[in-house]
mmCIF file of all heavy atoms, coordinates in Angstrom:
data_MODEL
# 
_entry.id   MODEL 
# 
loop_
_atom_site.group_PDB 
_atom_site.id 
_atom_site.type_symbol 
_atom_site.label_atom_id 
_atom_site.label_alt_id 
_atom_site.label_comp_id 
_atom_site.label_asym_id 
_atom_site.label_entity_id 
_atom_site.label_seq_id 
_atom_site.pdbx_PDB_ins_code 
_atom_site.Cartn_x 
_atom_site.Cartn_y 
_atom_site.Cartn_z 
_atom_site.occupancy 
_atom_site.B_iso_or_equiv 
_atom_site.pdbx_formal_charge 
_atom_site.auth_seq_id 
_atom_site.auth_comp_id 
_atom_site.auth_asym_id 
_atom_site.auth_atom_id 
_atom_site.pdbx_PDB_model_num 
ATOM 1   N N   . ILE A 1 1  ? -26.789 -53.794 30.611 1.00 0.00 ? 1  ILE A N   1 
ATOM 2   C CA  . ILE A 1 1  ? -25.483 -53.345 30.136 1.00 0.00 ? 1  ILE A CA  1 
ATOM 3   C C   . ILE A 1 1  ? -24.468 -53.400 31.270 1.00 0.00 ? 1  ILE A C   1 
ATOM 4   O O   . ILE A 1 1  ? -24.767 -53.003 32.409 1.00 0.00 ? 1  ILE A O   1 
ATOM 5   C CB  . ILE A 1 1  ? -25.562 -51.894 29.583 1.00 0.00 ? 1  ILE A CB  1 
ATOM 6   C CG1 . ILE A 1 1  ? -26.538 -51.835 28.378 1.00 0.00 ? 1  ILE A CG1 1 
ATOM 7   C CG2 . ILE A 1 1  ? -24.188 -51.390 29.148 1.00 0.00 ? 1  ILE A CG2 1 
ATOM 8   C CD1 . ILE A 1 1  ? -26.825 -50.407 27.933 1.00 0.00 ? 1  ILE A CD1 1 
ATOM 9   N N   . LYS A 1 2  ? -23.261 -53.898 30.973 1.00 0.00 ? 2  LYS A N   1 
ATOM 10  C CA  . LYS A 1 2  ? -22.210 -54.039 31.971 1.00 0.00 ? 2  LYS A CA  1 
ATOM 11  C C   . LYS A 1 2  ? -21.045 -53.087 31.620 1.00 0.00 ? 2  LYS A C   1 
ATOM 12  O O   . LYS A 1 2  ? -20.898 -52.655 30.468 1.00 0.00 ? 2  LYS A O   1 
ATOM 13  C CB  . LYS A 1 2  ? -21.681 -55.463 32.072 1.00 0.00 ? 2  LYS A CB  1 
ATOM 14  C CG  . LYS A 1 2  ? -22.750 -56.488 32.506 1.00 0.00 ? 2  LYS A CG  1 
ATOM 15  C CD  . LYS A 1 2  ? -22.220 -57.883 32.520 1.00 0.00 ? 2  LYS A CD  1 
ATOM 16  C CE  . LYS A 1 2  ? -23.228 -58.865 33.072 1.00 0.00 ? 2  LYS A CE  1 
ATOM 17  N NZ  . LYS A 1 2  ? -24.444 -58.937 32.262 1.00 0.00 ? 2  LYS A NZ  1 
ATOM 18  N N   . VAL A 1 3  ? -20.255 -52.746 32.633 1.00 0.00 ? 3  VAL A N   1 
ATOM 19  C CA  . VAL A 1 3  ? -19.081 -51.918 32.403 1.00 0.00 ? 3  VAL A CA  1 
ATOM 20  C C   . VAL A 1 3  ? -18.136 -52.602 31.379 1.00 0.00 ? 3  VAL A C   1 
ATOM 21  O O   . VAL A 1 3  ? -17.995 -53.852 31.384 1.00 0.00 ? 3  VAL A O   1 
ATOM 22  C CB  . VAL A 1 3  ? -18.321 -51.689 33.745 1.00 0.00 ? 3  VAL A CB  1 
ATOM 23  C CG1 . VAL A 1 3  ? -17.018 -50.917 33.487 1.00 0.00 ? 3  VAL A CG1 1 
ATOM 24  C CG2 . VAL A 1 3  ? -19.222 -50.909 34.725 1.00 0.00 ? 3  VAL A CG2 1 
ATOM 25  N N   . ASP A 1 4  ? -17.557 -51.827 30.471 1.00 0.00 ? 4  ASP A N   1 
ATOM 26  C CA  . ASP A 1 4  ? -16.647 -52.253 29.403 1.00 0.00 ? 4  ASP A CA  1 
ATOM 27  C C   . ASP A 1 4  ? -17.382 -52.838 28.192 1.00 0.00 ? 4  ASP A C   1 
ATOM 28  O O   . ASP A 1 4  ? -16.730 -53.203 27.196 1.00 0.00 ? 4  ASP A O   1 
ATOM 29  C CB  . ASP A 1 4  ? -15.608 -53.264 29.908 1.00 0.00 ? 4  ASP A CB  1 
ATOM 30  C CG  . ASP A 1 4  ? -14.613 -52.651 30.867 1.00 0.00 ? 4  ASP A CG  1 
ATOM 31  O OD1 . ASP A 1 4  ? -14.443 -51.409 30.788 1.00 0.00 ? 4  ASP A OD1 1 
ATOM 32  O OD2 . ASP A 1 4  ? -14.007 -53.371 31.693 1.00 0.00 ? 4  ASP A OD2 1 
ATOM 33  N N   . ASP A 1 5  ? -18.741 -52.924 28.242 1.00 0.00 ? 5  ASP A N   1 
ATOM 34  C CA  . ASP A 1 5  ? -19.483 -53.337 27.032 1.00 0.00 ? 5  ASP A CA  1 
ATOM 35  C C   . ASP A 1 5  ? -19.302 -52.240 25.952 1.00 0.00 ? 5  ASP A C   1 
ATOM 36  O O   . ASP A 1 5  ? -19.192 -51.051 26.289 1.00 0.00 ? 5  ASP A O   1 
ATOM 37  C CB  . ASP A 1 5  ? -20.954 -53.468 27.344 1.00 0.00 ? 5  ASP A CB  1 
ATOM 38  C CG  . ASP A 1 5  ? -21.298 -54.843 27.935 1.00 0.00 ? 5  ASP A CG  1 
ATOM 39  O OD1 . ASP A 1 5  ? -20.391 -55.701 27.966 1.00 0.00 ? 5  ASP A OD1 1 
ATOM 40  O OD2 . ASP A 1 5  ? -22.445 -55.041 28.374 1.00 0.00 ? 5  ASP A OD2 1 
ATOM 41  N N   . ILE A 1 6  ? -19.258 -52.676 24.682 1.00 0.00 ? 6  ILE A N   1 
ATOM 42  C CA  . ILE A 1 6  ? -19.142 -51.716 23.564 1.00 0.00 ? 6  ILE A CA  1 
ATOM 43  C C   . ILE A 1 6  ? -20.561 -51.522 22.978 1.00 0.00 ? 6  ILE A C   1 
ATOM 44  O O   . ILE A 1 6  ? -21.211 -52.495 22.556 1.00 0.00 ? 6  ILE A O   1 
ATOM 45  C CB  . ILE A 1 6  ? -18.191 -52.234 22.474 1.00 0.00 ? 6  ILE A CB  1 
ATOM 46  C CG1 . ILE A 1 6  ? -16.785 -52.516 23.055 1.00 0.00 ? 6  ILE A CG1 1 
ATOM 47  C CG2 . ILE A 1 6  ? -18.111 -51.206 21.316 1.00 0.00 ? 6  ILE A CG2 1 
ATOM 48  C CD1 . ILE A 1 6  ? -16.074 -51.292 23.598 1.00 0.00 ? 6  ILE A CD1 1 
ATOM 49  N N   . LEU A 1 7  ? -21.027 -50.268 22.967 1.00 0.00 ? 7  LEU A N   1 
ATOM 50  C CA  . LEU A 1 7  ? -22.362 -49.946 22.474 1.00 0.00 ? 7  LEU A CA  1 
ATOM 51  C C   . LEU A 1 7  ? -22.282 -49.195 21.150 1.00 0.00 ? 7  LEU A C   1 
ATOM 52  O O   . LEU A 1 7  ? -21.359 -48.431 20.926 1.00 0.00 ? 7  LEU A O   1 
ATOM 53  C CB  . LEU A 1 7  ? -23.122 -49.070 23.470 1.00 0.00 ? 7  LEU A CB  1 
ATOM 54  C CG  . LEU A 1 7  ? -23.737 -49.741 24.722 1.00 0.00 ? 7  LEU A CG  1 
ATOM 55  C CD1 . LEU A 1 7  ? -22.660 -50.160 25.690 1.00 0.00 ? 7  LEU A CD1 1 
ATOM 56  C CD2 . LEU A 1 7  ? -24.711 -48.768 25.418 1.00 0.00 ? 7  LEU A CD2 1 
ATOM 57  N N   . VAL A 1 8  ? -23.256 -49.512 20.272 1.00 0.00 ? 8  VAL A N   1 
ATOM 58  C CA  . VAL A 1 8  ? -23.347 -48.823 19.007 1.00 0.00 ? 8  VAL A CA  1 
ATOM 59  C C   . VAL A 1 8  ? -24.486 -47.805 19.100 1.00 0.00 ? 8  VAL A C   1 
ATOM 60  O O   . VAL A 1 8  ? -25.631 -48.149 19.375 1.00 0.00 ? 8  VAL A O   1 
ATOM 61  C CB  . VAL A 1 8  ? -23.636 -49.801 17.853 1.00 0.00 ? 8  VAL A CB  1 
ATOM 62  C CG1 . VAL A 1 8  ? -23.789 -49.046 16.530 1.00 0.00 ? 8  VAL A CG1 1 
ATOM 63  C CG2 . VAL A 1 8  ? -22.565 -50.865 17.729 1.00 0.00 ? 8  VAL A CG2 1 
ATOM 64  N N   . ILE A 1 9  ? -24.131 -46.516 18.982 1.00 0.00 ? 9  ILE A N   1 
ATOM 65  C CA  . ILE A 1 9  ? -25.130 -45.445 19.083 1.00 0.00 ? 9  ILE A CA  1 
ATOM 66  C C   . ILE A 1 9  ? -25.356 -44.831 17.712 1.00 0.00 ? 9  ILE A C   1 
ATOM 67  O O   . ILE A 1 9  ? -24.463 -44.216 17.142 1.00 0.00 ? 9  ILE A O   1 
ATOM 68  C CB  . ILE A 1 9  ? -24.686 -44.363 20.075 1.00 0.00 ? 9  ILE A CB  1 
ATOM 69  C CG1 . ILE A 1 9  ? -24.198 -44.984 21.411 1.00 0.00 ? 9  ILE A CG1 1 
ATOM 70  C CG2 . ILE A 1 9  ? -25.783 -43.325 20.293 1.00 0.00 ? 9  ILE A CG2 1 
ATOM 71  C CD1 . ILE A 1 9  ? -25.287 -45.674 22.182 1.00 0.00 ? 9  ILE A CD1 1 
ATOM 72  N N   . LYS A 1 10 ? -26.544 -44.996 17.192 1.00 0.00 ? 10 LYS A N   1 
ATOM 73  C CA  . LYS A 1 10 ? -26.855 -44.543 15.829 1.00 0.00 ? 10 LYS A CA  1 
ATOM 74  C C   . LYS A 1 10 ? -27.406 -43.107 15.895 1.00 0.00 ? 10 LYS A C   1 
ATOM 75  O O   . LYS A 1 10 ? -27.885 -42.647 16.962 1.00 0.00 ? 10 LYS A O   1 
ATOM 76  C CB  . LYS A 1 10 ? -27.845 -45.479 15.165 1.00 0.00 ? 10 LYS A CB  1 
ATOM 77  C CG  . LYS A 1 10 ? -27.220 -46.867 14.945 1.00 0.00 ? 10 LYS A CG  1 
ATOM 78  C CD  . LYS A 1 10 ? -28.164 -47.828 14.278 1.00 0.00 ? 10 LYS A CD  1 
ATOM 79  C CE  . LYS A 1 10 ? -27.462 -49.173 14.035 1.00 0.00 ? 10 LYS A CE  1 
ATOM 80  N NZ  . LYS A 1 10 ? -28.355 -50.202 13.400 1.00 0.00 ? 10 LYS A NZ  1 
ATOM 81  N N   . PRO A 1 11 ? -27.377 -42.370 14.764 1.00 0.00 ? 11 PRO A N   1 
ATOM 82  C CA  . PRO A 1 11 ? -27.855 -40.990 14.742 1.00 0.00 ? 11 PRO A CA  1 
ATOM 83  C C   . PRO A 1 11 ? -29.331 -40.903 15.245 1.00 0.00 ? 11 PRO A C   1 
ATOM 84  O O   . PRO A 1 11 ? -30.173 -41.714 14.868 1.00 0.00 ? 11 PRO A O   1 
ATOM 85  C CB  . PRO A 1 11 ? -27.787 -40.602 13.272 1.00 0.00 ? 11 PRO A CB  1 
ATOM 86  C CG  . PRO A 1 11 ? -26.707 -41.475 12.685 1.00 0.00 ? 11 PRO A CG  1 
ATOM 87  C CD  . PRO A 1 11 ? -26.838 -42.773 13.444 1.00 0.00 ? 11 PRO A CD  1 
ATOM 88  N N   . GLY A 1 12 ? -29.592 -39.929 16.112 1.00 0.00 ? 12 GLY A N   1 
ATOM 89  C CA  . GLY A 1 12 ? -30.931 -39.732 16.656 1.00 0.00 ? 12 GLY A CA  1 
ATOM 90  C C   . GLY A 1 12 ? -31.201 -40.524 17.885 1.00 0.00 ? 12 GLY A C   1 
ATOM 91  O O   . GLY A 1 12 ? -32.287 -40.371 18.508 1.00 0.00 ? 12 GLY A O   1 
ATOM 92  N N   . SER A 1 13 ? -30.288 -41.434 18.304 1.00 0.00 ? 13 SER A N   1 
ATOM 93  C CA  . SER A 1 13 ? -30.507 -42.273 19.464 1.00 0.00 ? 13 SER A CA  1 
ATOM 94  C C   . SER A 1 13 ? -30.012 -41.601 20.767 1.00 0.00 ? 13 SER A C   1 
ATOM 95  O O   . SER A 1 13 ? -29.056 -40.838 20.744 1.00 0.00 ? 13 SER A O   1 
ATOM 96  C CB  . SER A 1 13 ? -29.765 -43.634 19.318 1.00 0.00 ? 13 SER A CB  1 
ATOM 97  O OG  . SER A 1 13 ? -30.254 -44.325 18.170 1.00 0.00 ? 13 SER A OG  1 
ATOM 98  N N   . SER A 1 14 ? -30.705 -41.948 21.891 1.00 0.00 ? 14 SER A N   1 
ATOM 99  C CA  . SER A 1 14 ? -30.230 -41.445 23.186 1.00 0.00 ? 14 SER A CA  1 
ATOM 100 C C   . SER A 1 14 ? -29.133 -42.341 23.692 1.00 0.00 ? 14 SER A C   1 
ATOM 101 O O   . SER A 1 14 ? -29.116 -43.574 23.418 1.00 0.00 ? 14 SER A O   1 
ATOM 102 C CB  . SER A 1 14 ? -31.390 -41.439 24.187 1.00 0.00 ? 14 SER A CB  1 
ATOM 103 O OG  . SER A 1 14 ? -32.373 -40.508 23.803 1.00 0.00 ? 14 SER A OG  1 
ATOM 104 N N   . ILE A 1 15 ? -28.203 -41.791 24.439 1.00 0.00 ? 15 ILE A N   1 
ATOM 105 C CA  . ILE A 1 15 ? -27.105 -42.552 25.005 1.00 0.00 ? 15 ILE A CA  1 
ATOM 106 C C   . ILE A 1 15 ? -27.536 -43.094 26.360 1.00 0.00 ? 15 ILE A C   1 
ATOM 107 O O   . ILE A 1 15 ? -27.915 -42.303 27.240 1.00 0.00 ? 15 ILE A O   1 
ATOM 108 C CB  . ILE A 1 15 ? -25.834 -41.687 25.122 1.00 0.00 ? 15 ILE A CB  1 
ATOM 109 C CG1 . ILE A 1 15 ? -25.391 -41.208 23.706 1.00 0.00 ? 15 ILE A CG1 1 
ATOM 110 C CG2 . ILE A 1 15 ? -24.699 -42.445 25.823 1.00 0.00 ? 15 ILE A CG2 1 
ATOM 111 C CD1 . ILE A 1 15 ? -24.281 -40.231 23.668 1.00 0.00 ? 15 ILE A CD1 1 
ATOM 112 N N   . PRO A 1 16 ? -27.532 -44.418 26.556 1.00 0.00 ? 16 PRO A N   1 
ATOM 113 C CA  . PRO A 1 16 ? -28.109 -44.988 27.777 1.00 0.00 ? 16 PRO A CA  1 
ATOM 114 C C   . PRO A 1 16 ? -27.212 -44.955 29.012 1.00 0.00 ? 16 PRO A C   1 
ATOM 115 O O   . PRO A 1 16 ? -27.707 -45.084 30.132 1.00 0.00 ? 16 PRO A O   1 
ATOM 116 C CB  . PRO A 1 16 ? -28.417 -46.425 27.350 1.00 0.00 ? 16 PRO A CB  1 
ATOM 117 C CG  . PRO A 1 16 ? -27.398 -46.738 26.293 1.00 0.00 ? 16 PRO A CG  1 
ATOM 118 C CD  . PRO A 1 16 ? -27.134 -45.447 25.591 1.00 0.00 ? 16 PRO A CD  1 
ATOM 119 N N   . ILE A 1 17 ? -25.894 -44.844 28.807 1.00 0.00 ? 17 ILE A N   1 
ATOM 120 C CA  . ILE A 1 17 ? -24.966 -44.934 29.939 1.00 0.00 ? 17 ILE A CA  1 
ATOM 121 C C   . ILE A 1 17 ? -23.855 -43.892 29.762 1.00 0.00 ? 17 ILE A C   1 
ATOM 122 O O   . ILE A 1 17 ? -23.767 -43.215 28.715 1.00 0.00 ? 17 ILE A O   1 
ATOM 123 C CB  . ILE A 1 17 ? -24.350 -46.352 30.049 1.00 0.00 ? 17 ILE A CB  1 
ATOM 124 C CG1 . ILE A 1 17 ? -23.903 -46.892 28.699 1.00 0.00 ? 17 ILE A CG1 1 
ATOM 125 C CG2 . ILE A 1 17 ? -25.356 -47.309 30.667 1.00 0.00 ? 17 ILE A CG2 1 
ATOM 126 C CD1 . ILE A 1 17 ? -22.604 -46.455 28.202 1.00 0.00 ? 17 ILE A CD1 1 
ATOM 127 N N   . ASP A 1 18 ? -23.032 -43.740 30.773 1.00 0.00 ? 18 ASP A N   1 
ATOM 128 C CA  . ASP A 1 18 ? -21.852 -42.891 30.661 1.00 0.00 ? 18 ASP A CA  1 
ATOM 129 C C   . ASP A 1 18 ? -20.755 -43.740 30.007 1.00 0.00 ? 18 ASP A C   1 
ATOM 130 O O   . ASP A 1 18 ? -20.587 -44.930 30.344 1.00 0.00 ? 18 ASP A O   1 
ATOM 131 C CB  . ASP A 1 18 ? -21.357 -42.401 32.019 1.00 0.00 ? 18 ASP A CB  1 
ATOM 132 C CG  . ASP A 1 18 ? -22.302 -41.393 32.660 1.00 0.00 ? 18 ASP A CG  1 
ATOM 133 O OD1 . ASP A 1 18 ? -23.363 -41.135 32.032 1.00 0.00 ? 18 ASP A OD1 1 
ATOM 134 O OD2 . ASP A 1 18 ? -22.013 -40.877 33.722 1.00 0.00 ? 18 ASP A OD2 1 
ATOM 135 N N   . GLY A 1 19 ? -19.984 -43.145 29.078 1.00 0.00 ? 19 GLY A N   1 
ATOM 136 C CA  . GLY A 1 19 ? -18.939 -43.931 28.465 1.00 0.00 ? 19 GLY A CA  1 
ATOM 137 C C   . GLY A 1 19 ? -17.943 -43.064 27.715 1.00 0.00 ? 19 GLY A C   1 
ATOM 138 O O   . GLY A 1 19 ? -17.976 -41.830 27.779 1.00 0.00 ? 19 GLY A O   1 
ATOM 139 N N   . VAL A 1 20 ? -17.044 -43.746 26.980 1.00 0.00 ? 20 VAL A N   1 
ATOM 140 C CA  . VAL A 1 20 ? -16.006 -43.059 26.204 1.00 0.00 ? 20 VAL A CA  1 
ATOM 141 C C   . VAL A 1 20 ? -16.102 -43.542 24.753 1.00 0.00 ? 20 VAL A C   1 
ATOM 142 O O   . VAL A 1 20 ? -16.272 -44.748 24.479 1.00 0.00 ? 20 VAL A O   1 
ATOM 143 C CB  . VAL A 1 20 ? -14.595 -43.400 26.781 1.00 0.00 ? 20 VAL A CB  1 
ATOM 144 C CG1 . VAL A 1 20 ? -13.499 -42.751 25.919 1.00 0.00 ? 20 VAL A CG1 1 
ATOM 145 C CG2 . VAL A 1 20 ? -14.481 -42.946 28.202 1.00 0.00 ? 20 VAL A CG2 1 
ATOM 146 N N   . ILE A 1 21 ? -16.003 -42.602 23.799 1.00 0.00 ? 21 ILE A N   1 
ATOM 147 C CA  . ILE A 1 21 ? -16.063 -42.956 22.378 1.00 0.00 ? 21 ILE A CA  1 
ATOM 148 C C   . ILE A 1 21 ? -14.790 -43.705 21.998 1.00 0.00 ? 21 ILE A C   1 
ATOM 149 O O   . ILE A 1 21 ? -13.663 -43.246 22.249 1.00 0.00 ? 21 ILE A O   1 
ATOM 150 C CB  . ILE A 1 21 ? -16.222 -41.708 21.512 1.00 0.00 ? 21 ILE A CB  1 
ATOM 151 C CG1 . ILE A 1 21 ? -17.557 -40.998 21.810 1.00 0.00 ? 21 ILE A CG1 1 
ATOM 152 C CG2 . ILE A 1 21 ? -16.189 -42.085 20.017 1.00 0.00 ? 21 ILE A CG2 1 
ATOM 153 C CD1 . ILE A 1 21 ? -17.757 -39.681 21.073 1.00 0.00 ? 21 ILE A CD1 1 
ATOM 154 N N   . VAL A 1 22 ? -14.976 -44.906 21.403 1.00 0.00 ? 22 VAL A N   1 
ATOM 155 C CA  . VAL A 1 22 ? -13.807 -45.698 20.960 1.00 0.00 ? 22 VAL A CA  1 
ATOM 156 C C   . VAL A 1 22 ? -13.713 -45.735 19.437 1.00 0.00 ? 22 VAL A C   1 
ATOM 157 O O   . VAL A 1 22 ? -12.690 -46.130 18.891 1.00 0.00 ? 22 VAL A O   1 
ATOM 158 C CB  . VAL A 1 22 ? -13.887 -47.162 21.544 1.00 0.00 ? 22 VAL A CB  1 
ATOM 159 C CG1 . VAL A 1 22 ? -13.716 -47.125 23.053 1.00 0.00 ? 22 VAL A CG1 1 
ATOM 160 C CG2 . VAL A 1 22 ? -15.179 -47.831 21.152 1.00 0.00 ? 22 VAL A CG2 1 
ATOM 161 N N   . GLU A 1 23 ? -14.784 -45.318 18.771 1.00 0.00 ? 23 GLU A N   1 
ATOM 162 C CA  . GLU A 1 23 ? -14.753 -45.315 17.319 1.00 0.00 ? 23 GLU A CA  1 
ATOM 163 C C   . GLU A 1 23 ? -15.817 -44.333 16.767 1.00 0.00 ? 23 GLU A C   1 
ATOM 164 O O   . GLU A 1 23 ? -16.936 -44.328 17.250 1.00 0.00 ? 23 GLU A O   1 
ATOM 165 C CB  . GLU A 1 23 ? -15.036 -46.719 16.758 1.00 0.00 ? 23 GLU A CB  1 
ATOM 166 C CG  . GLU A 1 23 ? -14.847 -46.828 15.236 1.00 0.00 ? 23 GLU A CG  1 
ATOM 167 C CD  . GLU A 1 23 ? -15.158 -48.243 14.733 1.00 0.00 ? 23 GLU A CD  1 
ATOM 168 O OE1 . GLU A 1 23 ? -14.673 -49.219 15.354 1.00 0.00 ? 23 GLU A OE1 1 
ATOM 169 O OE2 . GLU A 1 23 ? -15.898 -48.351 13.723 1.00 0.00 ? 23 GLU A OE2 1 
ATOM 170 N N   . GLY A 1 24 ? -15.406 -43.513 15.775 1.00 0.00 ? 24 GLY A N   1 
ATOM 171 C CA  . GLY A 1 24 ? -16.347 -42.583 15.159 1.00 0.00 ? 24 GLY A CA  1 
ATOM 172 C C   . GLY A 1 24 ? -16.311 -41.222 15.820 1.00 0.00 ? 24 GLY A C   1 
ATOM 173 O O   . GLY A 1 24 ? -15.653 -40.995 16.840 1.00 0.00 ? 24 GLY A O   1 
ATOM 174 N N   . SER A 1 25 ? -17.039 -40.306 15.220 1.00 0.00 ? 25 SER A N   1 
ATOM 175 C CA  . SER A 1 25 ? -17.183 -38.943 15.765 1.00 0.00 ? 25 SER A CA  1 
ATOM 176 C C   . SER A 1 25 ? -18.568 -38.444 15.456 1.00 0.00 ? 25 SER A C   1 
ATOM 177 O O   . SER A 1 25 ? -19.200 -38.887 14.494 1.00 0.00 ? 25 SER A O   1 
ATOM 178 C CB  . SER A 1 25 ? -16.116 -38.021 15.170 1.00 0.00 ? 25 SER A CB  1 
ATOM 179 O OG  . SER A 1 25 ? -16.272 -37.924 13.737 1.00 0.00 ? 25 SER A OG  1 
ATOM 180 N N   . SER A 1 26 ? -19.062 -37.506 16.260 1.00 0.00 ? 26 SER A N   1 
ATOM 181 C CA  . SER A 1 26 ? -20.422 -36.991 16.064 1.00 0.00 ? 26 SER A CA  1 
ATOM 182 C C   . SER A 1 26 ? -20.580 -35.716 16.872 1.00 0.00 ? 26 SER A C   1 
ATOM 183 O O   . SER A 1 26 ? -19.676 -35.296 17.594 1.00 0.00 ? 26 SER A O   1 
ATOM 184 C CB  . SER A 1 26 ? -21.439 -38.054 16.533 1.00 0.00 ? 26 SER A CB  1 
ATOM 185 O OG  . SER A 1 26 ? -22.753 -37.581 16.294 1.00 0.00 ? 26 SER A OG  1 
ATOM 186 N N   . SER A 1 27 ? -21.738 -35.091 16.767 1.00 0.00 ? 27 SER A N   1 
ATOM 187 C CA  . SER A 1 27 ? -22.093 -33.959 17.655 1.00 0.00 ? 27 SER A CA  1 
ATOM 188 C C   . SER A 1 27 ? -23.200 -34.469 18.586 1.00 0.00 ? 27 SER A C   1 
ATOM 189 O O   . SER A 1 27 ? -24.147 -35.105 18.139 1.00 0.00 ? 27 SER A O   1 
ATOM 190 C CB  . SER A 1 27 ? -22.572 -32.768 16.822 1.00 0.00 ? 27 SER A CB  1 
ATOM 191 O OG  . SER A 1 27 ? -23.661 -33.117 16.007 1.00 0.00 ? 27 SER A OG  1 
ATOM 192 N N   . ILE A 1 28 ? -23.029 -34.180 19.868 1.00 0.00 ? 28 ILE A N   1 
ATOM 193 C CA  . ILE A 1 28 ? -23.952 -34.702 20.897 1.00 0.00 ? 28 ILE A CA  1 
ATOM 194 C C   . ILE A 1 28 ? -24.731 -33.547 21.477 1.00 0.00 ? 28 ILE A C   1 
ATOM 195 O O   . ILE A 1 28 ? -24.185 -32.546 21.911 1.00 0.00 ? 28 ILE A O   1 
ATOM 196 C CB  . ILE A 1 28 ? -23.144 -35.423 22.010 1.00 0.00 ? 28 ILE A CB  1 
ATOM 197 C CG1 . ILE A 1 28 ? -22.205 -36.462 21.449 1.00 0.00 ? 28 ILE A CG1 1 
ATOM 198 C CG2 . ILE A 1 28 ? -24.103 -36.055 23.022 1.00 0.00 ? 28 ILE A CG2 1 
ATOM 199 C CD1 . ILE A 1 28 ? -22.849 -37.668 20.779 1.00 0.00 ? 28 ILE A CD1 1 
# 
């Protein structure tokens, strides 16, 4: 994964990197 890549994080998945949400909302 590179900086500025857009990742899709589905429910129940761990977040692999530090980032900023650009779409959607959830509880972490």
